[in-house]
Amino acid sequence: MKITIVVGIQFSNEVLQLRDELNHLGHTISLPYTVEKIEAGELSFEKFMKEKKAHGDLRFRTMGPDRIKRYYNKIVSSDAILVANYSKNNIQNYIGGNALMEMGFAYVNDKKIFLLNDIPEMPYTDEIKAMNPVILKGNLSGIPI
């Protein structure tokens, strides 16, 4: 299955491990643009996080290709998305604004939506539930080939 991973940049190391595990299971994976740049050595994770903490990440989102449209196109060309929803900001299984938007892209394009972990308790929990994601409970073998 061709899967686009949806994840916050602070989980770059974890997403690379997810990619490797999914590749081993026979899937083809697309990663976020910034993760690709970090892995290629074209961007430092530390520099990105320092800039984000100081000024937000708008500069990174607007330099180079339009990241929102780019990710929309990745999702449309995939069979599914995997939301790597790790805990963040003291919220178990956090799903942020970008991830919610990308889930919406997948949903309206009839793509399967997988959540690595349970649905978080957030102001938009009902919207997440309405997209009927498959909850993997950390078990990647729950994604069919």
Protein backbone atom coordinates (compact mmCIF):
# COMPACT_ATOMS: atom_id res chain seq x y z
CA MET A 1 0.00 0.00 0.00
CA LYS A 2 1.23 3.51 -0.74
CA ILE A 3 1.04 5.47 2.52
CA THR A 4 1.69 9.11 3.31
CA ILE A 5 2.78 9.63 6.91
CA VAL A 6 1.32 12.59 8.77
CA VAL A 7 3.43 13.64 11.77
CA GLY A 8 4.75 16.64 13.65
CA ILE A 9 8.34 17.56 12.77
CA GLN A 10 9.51 17.08 16.36
CA PHE A 11 8.99 13.35 15.78
CA SER A 12 11.42 13.15 12.84
CA ASN A 13 13.42 10.28 14.34
CA GLU A 14 10.29 8.29 15.16
CA VAL A 15 8.85 8.78 11.68
CA LEU A 16 12.02 7.49 10.04
CA GLN A 17 11.74 4.36 12.16
CA LEU A 18 8.04 4.05 11.18
CA ARG A 19 9.01 4.38 7.52
CA ASP A 20 11.59 1.63 7.84
CA GLU A 21 9.13 -0.69 9.61
CA LEU A 22 6.43 -0.03 7.00
CA ASN A 23 8.88 -0.58 4.14
CA HIS A 24 9.84 -3.89 5.76
CA LEU A 25 6.14 -4.82 5.79
CA GLY A 26 5.94 -4.12 2.03
CA HIS A 27 4.50 -0.61 1.94
CA THR A 28 5.70 2.41 -0.05
CA ILE A 29 6.01 5.52 2.11
CA SER A 30 5.90 9.29 1.56
CA LEU A 31 7.33 11.52 4.27
CA PRO A 32 6.83 15.18 5.13
CA TYR A 33 9.03 17.55 3.12
CA THR A 34 10.90 18.83 6.17
CA VAL A 35 11.67 15.30 7.37
CA GLU A 36 13.05 14.50 3.91
CA LYS A 37 15.27 17.61 4.10
CA ILE A 38 16.52 16.70 7.58
CA GLU A 39 17.29 13.13 6.53
CA ALA A 40 19.15 14.38 3.44
CA GLY A 41 21.26 16.69 5.61
CA GLU A 42 19.86 19.79 3.88
CA LEU A 43 18.26 21.09 7.09
CA SER A 44 19.25 20.68 10.69
CA PHE A 45 16.55 19.43 13.06
CA GLU A 46 18.07 21.57 15.79
CA LYS A 47 18.03 24.69 13.58
CA PHE A 48 14.42 24.04 12.61
CA MET A 49 13.31 23.58 16.23
CA LYS A 50 15.26 26.68 17.40
CA GLU A 51 13.64 28.80 14.67
CA LYS A 52 10.21 27.35 15.40
CA LYS A 53 10.55 28.07 19.11
CA ALA A 54 11.73 31.63 18.48
CA HIS A 55 9.51 32.65 15.57
CA GLY A 56 7.11 29.83 14.69
CA ASP A 57 7.59 27.78 11.55
CA LEU A 58 5.87 29.97 8.97
CA ARG A 59 9.18 30.76 7.25
CA PHE A 60 9.83 27.05 6.75
CA ARG A 61 6.27 26.51 5.53
CA THR A 62 6.50 29.27 2.94
CA MET A 63 10.03 28.82 1.56
CA GLY A 64 10.37 26.50 -1.40
CA PRO A 65 7.37 24.56 -2.61
CA ASP A 66 3.94 25.20 -1.11
CA ARG A 67 3.94 22.53 1.58
CA ILE A 68 0.18 22.37 2.03
CA LYS A 69 -0.49 21.80 -1.69
CA ARG A 70 2.51 19.48 -1.94
CA TYR A 71 1.17 17.32 0.88
CA TYR A 72 -2.35 17.40 -0.53
CA ASN A 73 -0.95 15.99 -3.79
CA LYS A 74 1.00 13.30 -1.90
CA ILE A 75 -2.17 12.28 -0.08
CA VAL A 76 -4.22 12.19 -3.29
CA SER A 77 -1.62 9.95 -4.94
CA SER A 78 -1.52 7.59 -1.94
CA ASP A 79 -3.83 4.78 -0.92
CA ALA A 80 -3.88 5.87 2.72
CA ILE A 81 -2.42 8.11 5.37
CA LEU A 82 -0.92 7.10 8.67
CA VAL A 83 -1.25 9.73 11.37
CA ALA A 84 1.63 9.21 13.79
CA ASN A 85 -0.18 10.72 16.75
CA TYR A 86 2.30 10.73 19.60
CA SER A 87 1.77 12.58 22.87
CA LYS A 88 2.59 16.29 22.79
CA ASN A 89 1.79 19.37 24.87
CA ASN A 90 0.59 17.11 27.70
CA ILE A 91 -2.08 15.63 25.41
CA GLN A 92 -2.07 11.87 24.91
CA ASN A 93 -2.06 10.93 21.18
CA TYR A 94 -2.09 14.57 20.05
CA ILE A 95 -3.40 15.49 16.59
CA GLY A 96 -2.53 19.06 15.62
CA GLY A 97 -3.98 21.48 13.13
CA ASN A 98 -1.94 20.33 10.14
CA ALA A 99 -2.67 16.67 10.87
CA LEU A 100 -6.38 17.39 11.16
CA MET A 101 -6.30 19.27 7.86
CA GLU A 102 -4.40 16.42 6.18
CA MET A 103 -6.89 13.91 7.57
CA GLY A 104 -9.61 16.01 5.94
CA PHE A 105 -7.74 15.87 2.62
CA ALA A 106 -7.58 12.09 2.88
CA TYR A 107 -11.20 11.78 3.92
CA VAL A 108 -12.68 13.85 1.09
CA ASN A 109 -10.52 11.94 -1.39
CA ASP A 110 -11.72 8.55 -0.09
CA LYS A 111 -8.31 7.54 1.27
CA LYS A 112 -8.01 5.18 4.19
CA ILE A 113 -7.02 6.93 7.44
CA PHE A 114 -4.94 5.06 10.00
CA LEU A 115 -4.10 6.43 13.45
CA LEU A 116 -1.02 4.96 15.09
CA ASN A 117 -2.55 5.49 18.54
CA ASP A 118 -6.00 6.12 20.01
CA ILE A 119 -8.08 9.19 19.21
CA PRO A 120 -7.08 12.07 21.51
CA GLU A 121 -9.44 14.05 23.70
CA MET A 122 -9.35 17.45 22.03
CA PRO A 123 -11.86 20.14 21.02
CA TYR A 124 -12.19 18.45 17.61
CA THR A 125 -12.40 14.81 18.72
CA ASP A 126 -15.84 14.44 17.10
CA GLU A 127 -14.45 15.61 13.75
CA ILE A 128 -11.69 13.01 13.98
CA LYS A 129 -14.20 10.27 14.85
CA ALA A 130 -16.46 11.32 11.96
CA MET A 131 -13.66 10.48 9.50
CA ASN A 132 -13.80 6.89 10.78
CA PRO A 133 -10.07 6.28 11.16
CA VAL A 134 -8.68 2.81 11.76
CA ILE A 135 -6.91 2.83 15.12
CA LEU A 136 -3.80 0.65 15.05
CA LYS A 137 -2.93 0.84 18.77
CA GLY A 138 0.73 0.97 17.76
CA ASN A 139 0.55 -2.21 15.64
CA LEU A 140 1.64 -1.42 12.07
CA SER A 141 0.79 -4.94 10.91
CA GLY A 142 -2.84 -3.81 11.11
CA ILE A 143 -2.34 -2.01 7.79
CA PRO A 144 -3.14 -4.34 4.88
CA ILE A 145 -0.62 -4.62 2.06
